[in-house]
Amino acid sequence: MYMRKYLILLLLFLLPFSSIAQENNYFLMLKNKKVNVRYGPSFDYPIKYVYRKIELPLKIIDKKENFRRVIDHKKNSGWIHISQLKKSNSLITTSEKILFNKASKFSKPIAKLEKGRLLIAEKFESRWIFIKTGKYRGWIQKGDLWGVYE
């Protein structure tokens, strides 16, 4: 009886910590064409570098007040104000990919996508993602992608 009460108390104590861990490591994307990345979580910190790619997906690895610590697909990291970020549906190819007309390897190939290409995901299926990139729209297989679906 006492053991059961202790287990329940322990679970209630640890529950808030598990939700904190789940808040980290999600994806957002850049809202603007020019975004400053800083060395620390304040406007008082100097600018480390500048992103110049709208909709670039970034993994959130930490947060402090209105700043988010991000890491990109090239492992660059820094702090960005939350006003410069929005909900993500973008991906980056980490290897060459083939864009298909349908969600099948046997359908007509549309284009060959190079490593580092920015993709906007529109629909997810079990092993396939319907994307748009530039003038192309089609299906790619999951895998070798960095961004929102992970």
N, C-alpha and C. Protein backbone atom coordinates (compact mmCIF):
# COMPACT_ATOMS: atom_id res chain seq x y z
N MET A 1 0.81 -1.19 0.00
CA MET A 1 0.00 0.00 0.00
C MET A 1 0.86 1.27 0.00
N TYR A 2 1.86 1.29 0.91
CA TYR A 2 2.73 2.46 0.97
C TYR A 2 3.58 2.58 -0.29
N MET A 3 4.01 1.45 -0.80
CA MET A 3 4.82 1.44 -2.01
C MET A 3 4.06 2.07 -3.17
N ARG A 4 2.79 1.74 -3.24
CA ARG A 4 1.95 2.26 -4.32
C ARG A 4 1.83 3.80 -4.22
N LYS A 5 1.66 4.31 -3.01
CA LYS A 5 1.56 5.76 -2.79
C LYS A 5 2.87 6.44 -3.19
N TYR A 6 3.99 5.83 -2.82
CA TYR A 6 5.29 6.41 -3.18
C TYR A 6 5.50 6.44 -4.69
N LEU A 7 5.08 5.40 -5.38
CA LEU A 7 5.20 5.36 -6.84
C LEU A 7 4.35 6.45 -7.49
N ILE A 8 3.13 6.63 -6.98
CA ILE A 8 2.25 7.67 -7.52
C ILE A 8 2.85 9.05 -7.27
N LEU A 9 3.37 9.28 -6.08
CA LEU A 9 4.01 10.56 -5.77
C LEU A 9 5.24 10.80 -6.66
N LEU A 10 6.01 9.76 -6.86
CA LEU A 10 7.19 9.88 -7.70
C LEU A 10 6.81 10.22 -9.14
N LEU A 11 5.78 9.56 -9.66
CA LEU A 11 5.31 9.84 -11.02
C LEU A 11 4.78 11.27 -11.13
N LEU A 12 4.04 11.72 -10.15
CA LEU A 12 3.52 13.09 -10.17
C LEU A 12 4.64 14.11 -10.10
N PHE A 13 5.70 13.78 -9.37
CA PHE A 13 6.85 14.68 -9.28
C PHE A 13 7.62 14.74 -10.60
N LEU A 14 7.78 13.62 -11.27
CA LEU A 14 8.57 13.56 -12.50
C LEU A 14 7.80 14.01 -13.75
N LEU A 15 6.50 14.03 -13.70
CA LEU A 15 5.68 14.38 -14.85
C LEU A 15 6.02 15.76 -15.43
N PRO A 16 6.14 16.81 -14.62
CA PRO A 16 6.48 18.12 -15.20
C PRO A 16 7.85 18.12 -15.90
N PHE A 17 8.80 17.35 -15.41
CA PHE A 17 10.13 17.31 -16.02
C PHE A 17 10.11 16.62 -17.37
N SER A 18 9.27 15.63 -17.55
CA SER A 18 9.18 14.95 -18.83
C SER A 18 8.57 15.87 -19.88
N SER A 19 7.63 16.74 -19.49
CA SER A 19 7.05 17.67 -20.47
C SER A 19 8.05 18.74 -20.85
N ILE A 20 8.93 19.14 -19.93
CA ILE A 20 9.97 20.11 -20.25
C ILE A 20 10.92 19.51 -21.29
N ALA A 21 11.28 18.27 -21.11
CA ALA A 21 12.19 17.62 -22.07
C ALA A 21 11.54 17.51 -23.45
N GLN A 22 10.24 17.32 -23.49
CA GLN A 22 9.57 17.19 -24.77
C GLN A 22 9.42 18.53 -25.47
N GLU A 23 9.44 19.66 -24.74
CA GLU A 23 9.31 20.97 -25.35
C GLU A 23 10.52 21.29 -26.22
N ASN A 24 11.68 20.80 -25.88
CA ASN A 24 12.88 21.04 -26.66
C ASN A 24 12.92 20.10 -27.85
N ASN A 25 13.78 20.39 -28.77
CA ASN A 25 14.01 19.55 -29.94
C ASN A 25 12.78 19.42 -30.84
N TYR A 26 12.27 20.54 -31.25
CA TYR A 26 11.22 20.60 -32.25
C TYR A 26 11.70 21.57 -33.33
N PHE A 27 10.98 21.66 -34.44
CA PHE A 27 11.43 22.47 -35.55
C PHE A 27 10.55 23.71 -35.75
N LEU A 28 11.21 24.81 -36.04
CA LEU A 28 10.57 26.03 -36.50
C LEU A 28 11.32 26.46 -37.76
N MET A 29 10.76 27.42 -38.50
CA MET A 29 11.47 27.91 -39.68
C MET A 29 11.54 29.42 -39.64
N LEU A 30 12.48 29.97 -40.42
CA LEU A 30 12.68 31.41 -40.44
C LEU A 30 11.49 32.10 -41.09
N LYS A 31 11.07 33.20 -40.48
CA LYS A 31 9.92 33.95 -40.96
C LYS A 31 10.34 35.02 -41.98
N ASN A 32 11.59 35.47 -41.93
CA ASN A 32 12.05 36.58 -42.76
C ASN A 32 13.27 36.21 -43.60
N LYS A 33 13.58 37.06 -44.57
CA LYS A 33 14.72 36.82 -45.47
C LYS A 33 16.06 37.10 -44.79
N LYS A 34 16.05 37.92 -43.76
CA LYS A 34 17.30 38.24 -43.05
C LYS A 34 17.04 38.10 -41.56
N VAL A 35 17.77 37.17 -40.91
CA VAL A 35 17.58 36.91 -39.48
C VAL A 35 18.95 36.86 -38.80
N ASN A 36 19.10 37.66 -37.75
CA ASN A 36 20.34 37.67 -36.97
C ASN A 36 20.37 36.52 -35.98
N VAL A 37 21.52 35.88 -35.89
CA VAL A 37 21.76 34.82 -34.90
C VAL A 37 22.78 35.37 -33.92
N ARG A 38 22.47 35.28 -32.64
CA ARG A 38 23.33 35.89 -31.62
C ARG A 38 24.06 34.84 -30.78
N TYR A 39 25.09 35.30 -30.09
CA TYR A 39 25.88 34.42 -29.22
C TYR A 39 25.12 34.04 -27.95
N GLY A 40 24.15 34.84 -27.55
CA GLY A 40 23.40 34.56 -26.33
C GLY A 40 21.96 34.99 -26.46
N PRO A 41 21.15 34.70 -25.44
CA PRO A 41 19.71 34.94 -25.50
C PRO A 41 19.28 36.36 -25.11
N SER A 42 19.82 37.34 -25.80
CA SER A 42 19.46 38.73 -25.54
C SER A 42 19.94 39.59 -26.70
N PHE A 43 19.30 40.75 -26.89
CA PHE A 43 19.76 41.68 -27.92
C PHE A 43 21.09 42.33 -27.53
N ASP A 44 21.50 42.17 -26.27
CA ASP A 44 22.78 42.70 -25.80
C ASP A 44 23.96 41.89 -26.34
N TYR A 45 23.74 40.64 -26.71
CA TYR A 45 24.81 39.80 -27.25
C TYR A 45 25.10 40.18 -28.70
N PRO A 46 26.36 40.08 -29.11
CA PRO A 46 26.69 40.42 -30.51
C PRO A 46 26.13 39.40 -31.50
N ILE A 47 26.01 39.83 -32.75
CA ILE A 47 25.52 38.96 -33.82
C ILE A 47 26.63 37.99 -34.20
N LYS A 48 26.31 36.73 -34.22
CA LYS A 48 27.25 35.66 -34.57
C LYS A 48 27.31 35.48 -36.09
N TYR A 49 26.15 35.40 -36.72
CA TYR A 49 26.03 35.33 -38.18
C TYR A 49 24.60 35.68 -38.56
N VAL A 50 24.33 35.78 -39.86
CA VAL A 50 23.02 36.17 -40.36
C VAL A 50 22.52 35.11 -41.34
N TYR A 51 21.29 34.64 -41.12
CA TYR A 51 20.65 33.76 -42.09
C TYR A 51 19.98 34.62 -43.14
N ARG A 52 20.07 34.21 -44.38
CA ARG A 52 19.45 34.94 -45.49
C ARG A 52 18.58 34.02 -46.33
N LYS A 53 17.92 33.05 -45.69
CA LYS A 53 17.09 32.08 -46.40
C LYS A 53 15.76 31.94 -45.68
N ILE A 54 14.72 32.54 -46.22
CA ILE A 54 13.39 32.45 -45.63
C ILE A 54 12.94 30.99 -45.66
N GLU A 55 12.20 30.57 -44.64
CA GLU A 55 11.66 29.23 -44.48
C GLU A 55 12.71 28.14 -44.21
N LEU A 56 13.91 28.52 -43.86
CA LEU A 56 14.95 27.54 -43.50
C LEU A 56 14.53 26.84 -42.21
N PRO A 57 14.49 25.49 -42.19
CA PRO A 57 14.10 24.80 -40.95
C PRO A 57 15.24 24.80 -39.94
N LEU A 58 14.89 25.04 -38.68
CA LEU A 58 15.86 25.06 -37.60
C LEU A 58 15.32 24.24 -36.43
N LYS A 59 16.21 23.48 -35.83
CA LYS A 59 15.83 22.68 -34.66
C LYS A 59 16.02 23.53 -33.41
N ILE A 60 14.98 23.57 -32.58
CA ILE A 60 15.04 24.31 -31.32
C ILE A 60 15.62 23.38 -30.26
N ILE A 61 16.74 23.79 -29.67
CA ILE A 61 17.40 22.93 -28.68
C ILE A 61 17.37 23.51 -27.27
N ASP A 62 16.98 24.79 -27.15
CA ASP A 62 16.89 25.41 -25.83
C ASP A 62 16.05 26.67 -25.96
N LYS A 63 15.57 27.17 -24.83
CA LYS A 63 14.85 28.43 -24.86
C LYS A 63 15.09 29.19 -23.57
N LYS A 64 15.08 30.51 -23.70
CA LYS A 64 15.21 31.38 -22.55
C LYS A 64 14.43 32.65 -22.85
N GLU A 65 13.37 32.85 -22.10
CA GLU A 65 12.46 33.97 -22.30
C GLU A 65 11.98 34.00 -23.75
N ASN A 66 12.25 35.08 -24.49
CA ASN A 66 11.77 35.21 -25.87
C ASN A 66 12.80 34.78 -26.91
N PHE A 67 13.85 34.12 -26.50
CA PHE A 67 14.87 33.66 -27.44
C PHE A 67 14.89 32.14 -27.50
N ARG A 68 15.23 31.62 -28.66
CA ARG A 68 15.34 30.18 -28.87
C ARG A 68 16.74 29.87 -29.38
N ARG A 69 17.35 28.85 -28.78
CA ARG A 69 18.65 28.38 -29.27
C ARG A 69 18.36 27.39 -30.38
N VAL A 70 18.95 27.62 -31.54
CA VAL A 70 18.67 26.81 -32.72
C VAL A 70 19.94 26.15 -33.22
N ILE A 71 19.72 25.09 -33.99
CA ILE A 71 20.82 24.44 -34.71
C ILE A 71 20.29 24.13 -36.11
N ASP A 72 21.14 24.35 -37.12
CA ASP A 72 20.70 24.09 -38.49
C ASP A 72 21.27 22.77 -39.00
N HIS A 73 20.98 22.45 -40.24
CA HIS A 73 21.39 21.16 -40.82
C HIS A 73 22.90 21.04 -40.98
N LYS A 74 23.63 22.16 -40.88
CA LYS A 74 25.10 22.14 -40.96
C LYS A 74 25.74 22.20 -39.58
N LYS A 75 24.94 22.07 -38.53
CA LYS A 75 25.37 22.06 -37.12
C LYS A 75 25.80 23.43 -36.61
N ASN A 76 25.41 24.51 -37.29
CA ASN A 76 25.63 25.87 -36.77
C ASN A 76 24.57 26.14 -35.72
N SER A 77 24.95 26.81 -34.63
CA SER A 77 23.97 27.09 -33.60
C SER A 77 24.11 28.52 -33.10
N GLY A 78 23.04 28.99 -32.48
CA GLY A 78 23.01 30.33 -31.91
C GLY A 78 21.62 30.64 -31.41
N TRP A 79 21.39 31.89 -31.02
CA TRP A 79 20.13 32.32 -30.42
C TRP A 79 19.40 33.27 -31.36
N ILE A 80 18.09 33.02 -31.52
CA ILE A 80 17.24 33.84 -32.38
C ILE A 80 16.00 34.25 -31.59
N HIS A 81 15.57 35.51 -31.77
CA HIS A 81 14.35 35.97 -31.12
C HIS A 81 13.15 35.25 -31.72
N ILE A 82 12.19 34.88 -30.90
CA ILE A 82 11.03 34.09 -31.32
C ILE A 82 10.22 34.80 -32.40
N SER A 83 10.27 36.13 -32.46
CA SER A 83 9.51 36.87 -33.47
C SER A 83 10.01 36.60 -34.89
N GLN A 84 11.20 36.03 -35.02
CA GLN A 84 11.79 35.74 -36.32
C GLN A 84 11.52 34.30 -36.78
N LEU A 85 10.75 33.56 -36.00
CA LEU A 85 10.49 32.14 -36.27
C LEU A 85 9.00 31.87 -36.38
N LYS A 86 8.64 30.82 -37.11
CA LYS A 86 7.24 30.40 -37.21
C LYS A 86 7.17 28.89 -37.33
N LYS A 87 5.96 28.34 -37.19
CA LYS A 87 5.75 26.91 -37.29
C LYS A 87 6.32 26.39 -38.60
N SER A 88 6.97 25.24 -38.54
CA SER A 88 7.71 24.73 -39.69
C SER A 88 6.97 23.64 -40.46
N ASN A 89 7.10 23.71 -41.77
CA ASN A 89 6.70 22.61 -42.65
C ASN A 89 7.77 22.47 -43.74
N SER A 90 8.99 22.91 -43.42
CA SER A 90 10.07 22.86 -44.40
C SER A 90 11.08 21.77 -44.07
N LEU A 91 11.78 21.33 -45.10
CA LEU A 91 12.78 20.27 -45.01
C LEU A 91 14.00 20.67 -45.83
N ILE A 92 15.11 20.05 -45.53
CA ILE A 92 16.34 20.21 -46.32
C ILE A 92 16.79 18.81 -46.71
N THR A 93 17.16 18.63 -47.98
CA THR A 93 17.70 17.34 -48.41
C THR A 93 19.13 17.20 -47.93
N THR A 94 19.47 16.05 -47.38
CA THR A 94 20.84 15.81 -46.93
C THR A 94 21.60 14.92 -47.90
N SER A 95 20.93 14.54 -48.97
CA SER A 95 21.58 13.81 -50.07
C SER A 95 20.72 14.05 -51.31
N GLU A 96 21.19 13.60 -52.47
CA GLU A 96 20.40 13.74 -53.69
C GLU A 96 19.12 12.92 -53.56
N LYS A 97 18.01 13.47 -54.04
CA LYS A 97 16.72 12.80 -53.97
C LYS A 97 16.05 12.88 -55.34
N ILE A 98 15.20 11.91 -55.63
CA ILE A 98 14.40 11.92 -56.86
C ILE A 98 12.98 12.31 -56.49
N LEU A 99 12.44 13.27 -57.23
CA LEU A 99 11.06 13.72 -57.06
C LEU A 99 10.19 12.94 -58.04
N PHE A 100 9.15 12.27 -57.51
CA PHE A 100 8.28 11.42 -58.33
C PHE A 100 6.89 12.03 -58.50
N ASN A 101 6.22 11.61 -59.57
CA ASN A 101 4.87 12.05 -59.87
C ASN A 101 3.86 11.49 -58.87
N LYS A 102 4.06 10.27 -58.42
CA LYS A 102 3.19 9.60 -57.45
C LYS A 102 4.04 9.03 -56.32
N ALA A 103 3.40 8.61 -55.26
CA ALA A 103 4.10 8.06 -54.10
C ALA A 103 4.53 6.62 -54.36
N SER A 104 5.38 6.43 -55.37
CA SER A 104 5.87 5.11 -55.73
C SER A 104 7.18 5.25 -56.49
N LYS A 105 8.13 4.35 -56.22
CA LYS A 105 9.40 4.35 -56.96
C LYS A 105 9.19 4.04 -58.43
N PHE A 106 8.06 3.43 -58.76
CA PHE A 106 7.80 3.02 -60.14
C PHE A 106 7.06 4.08 -60.94
N SER A 107 6.73 5.22 -60.31
CA SER A 107 6.05 6.29 -61.04
C SER A 107 7.09 7.14 -61.80
N LYS A 108 6.60 8.06 -62.59
CA LYS A 108 7.46 8.89 -63.43
C LYS A 108 8.31 9.85 -62.59
N PRO A 109 9.64 9.84 -62.77
CA PRO A 109 10.49 10.81 -62.06
C PRO A 109 10.28 12.21 -62.66
N ILE A 110 10.21 13.20 -61.81
CA ILE A 110 10.00 14.58 -62.27
C ILE A 110 11.31 15.35 -62.29
N ALA A 111 12.10 15.21 -61.22
CA ALA A 111 13.34 15.98 -61.11
C ALA A 111 14.30 15.30 -60.14
N LYS A 112 15.56 15.64 -60.28
CA LYS A 112 16.60 15.20 -59.34
C LYS A 112 16.92 16.40 -58.45
N LEU A 113 16.73 16.22 -57.15
CA LEU A 113 16.97 17.30 -56.19
C LEU A 113 18.35 17.15 -55.58
N GLU A 114 19.11 18.22 -55.60
CA GLU A 114 20.47 18.19 -55.05
C GLU A 114 20.47 18.28 -53.54
N LYS A 115 21.55 17.86 -52.94
CA LYS A 115 21.76 17.97 -51.50
C LYS A 115 21.67 19.44 -51.10
N GLY A 116 20.95 19.72 -50.00
CA GLY A 116 20.83 21.08 -49.50
C GLY A 116 19.65 21.85 -50.06
N ARG A 117 18.80 21.20 -50.83
CA ARG A 117 17.63 21.88 -51.43
C ARG A 117 16.54 22.07 -50.37
N LEU A 118 15.96 23.28 -50.36
CA LEU A 118 14.87 23.59 -49.44
C LEU A 118 13.56 23.09 -50.02
N LEU A 119 12.80 22.34 -49.22
CA LEU A 119 11.53 21.77 -49.64
C LEU A 119 10.43 22.22 -48.67
N ILE A 120 9.23 22.42 -49.20
CA ILE A 120 8.08 22.72 -48.36
C ILE A 120 7.15 21.51 -48.41
N ALA A 121 6.94 20.89 -47.26
CA ALA A 121 6.09 19.70 -47.16
C ALA A 121 4.62 20.11 -47.14
N GLU A 122 3.82 19.43 -47.97
CA GLU A 122 2.39 19.71 -48.02
C GLU A 122 1.54 18.56 -47.50
N LYS A 123 2.05 17.32 -47.63
CA LYS A 123 1.29 16.16 -47.21
C LYS A 123 2.25 15.05 -46.82
N PHE A 124 1.92 14.34 -45.73
CA PHE A 124 2.74 13.24 -45.26
C PHE A 124 1.97 11.93 -45.39
N GLU A 125 2.64 10.91 -45.90
CA GLU A 125 2.11 9.55 -45.88
C GLU A 125 3.15 8.68 -45.22
N SER A 126 2.90 7.39 -45.11
CA SER A 126 3.76 6.52 -44.31
C SER A 126 5.24 6.63 -44.68
N ARG A 127 5.59 6.47 -45.93
CA ARG A 127 7.00 6.53 -46.35
C ARG A 127 7.27 7.63 -47.36
N TRP A 128 6.27 8.47 -47.64
CA TRP A 128 6.39 9.48 -48.68
C TRP A 128 5.92 10.85 -48.18
N ILE A 129 6.47 11.90 -48.80
CA ILE A 129 6.08 13.27 -48.49
C ILE A 129 5.81 13.99 -49.81
N PHE A 130 4.66 14.66 -49.89
CA PHE A 130 4.37 15.49 -51.06
C PHE A 130 4.95 16.87 -50.79
N ILE A 131 5.82 17.34 -51.68
CA ILE A 131 6.55 18.59 -51.44
C ILE A 131 6.42 19.53 -52.64
N LYS A 132 6.77 20.78 -52.38
CA LYS A 132 6.97 21.74 -53.46
C LYS A 132 8.33 22.38 -53.25
N THR A 133 9.00 22.66 -54.35
CA THR A 133 10.29 23.31 -54.32
C THR A 133 10.49 24.01 -55.65
N GLY A 134 10.64 25.32 -55.60
CA GLY A 134 10.76 26.07 -56.85
C GLY A 134 9.53 25.85 -57.71
N LYS A 135 9.74 25.43 -58.96
CA LYS A 135 8.62 25.20 -59.88
C LYS A 135 8.13 23.75 -59.85
N TYR A 136 8.73 22.92 -59.00
CA TYR A 136 8.38 21.49 -58.95
C TYR A 136 7.48 21.16 -57.78
N ARG A 137 6.60 20.17 -58.00
CA ARG A 137 5.76 19.59 -56.96
C ARG A 137 5.72 18.10 -57.21
N GLY A 138 5.84 17.31 -56.14
CA GLY A 138 5.79 15.87 -56.31
C GLY A 138 6.09 15.16 -55.00
N TRP A 139 6.33 13.85 -55.12
CA TRP A 139 6.53 12.98 -53.97
C TRP A 139 7.99 12.58 -53.84
N ILE A 140 8.49 12.61 -52.60
CA ILE A 140 9.83 12.09 -52.30
C ILE A 140 9.70 11.09 -51.16
N GLN A 141 10.65 10.16 -51.13
CA GLN A 141 10.66 9.19 -50.03
C GLN A 141 11.25 9.84 -48.79
N LYS A 142 10.72 9.45 -47.64
CA LYS A 142 11.29 9.90 -46.38
C LYS A 142 12.68 9.31 -46.25
N GLY A 143 13.52 9.99 -45.52
CA GLY A 143 14.90 9.55 -45.32
C GLY A 143 15.83 10.54 -45.96
N ASP A 144 16.97 10.77 -45.37
CA ASP A 144 17.94 11.74 -45.85
C ASP A 144 17.33 13.13 -45.99
N LEU A 145 16.48 13.46 -45.03
CA LEU A 145 15.85 14.79 -44.97
C LEU A 145 16.04 15.34 -43.57
N TRP A 146 16.19 16.64 -43.47
CA TRP A 146 16.37 17.29 -42.18
C TRP A 146 15.27 18.31 -42.02
N GLY A 147 14.47 18.17 -40.97
CA GLY A 147 13.42 19.15 -40.73
C GLY A 147 12.22 18.59 -40.01
N VAL A 148 11.08 19.12 -40.37
CA VAL A 148 9.86 18.97 -39.61
C VAL A 148 9.39 17.55 -39.36
N TYR A 149 9.59 16.62 -40.24
CA TYR A 149 8.97 15.31 -40.08
C TYR A 149 9.68 14.39 -39.10
N GLU A 150 10.89 14.75 -38.70
CA GLU A 150 11.67 13.86 -37.80
C GLU A 150 10.93 13.55 -36.52
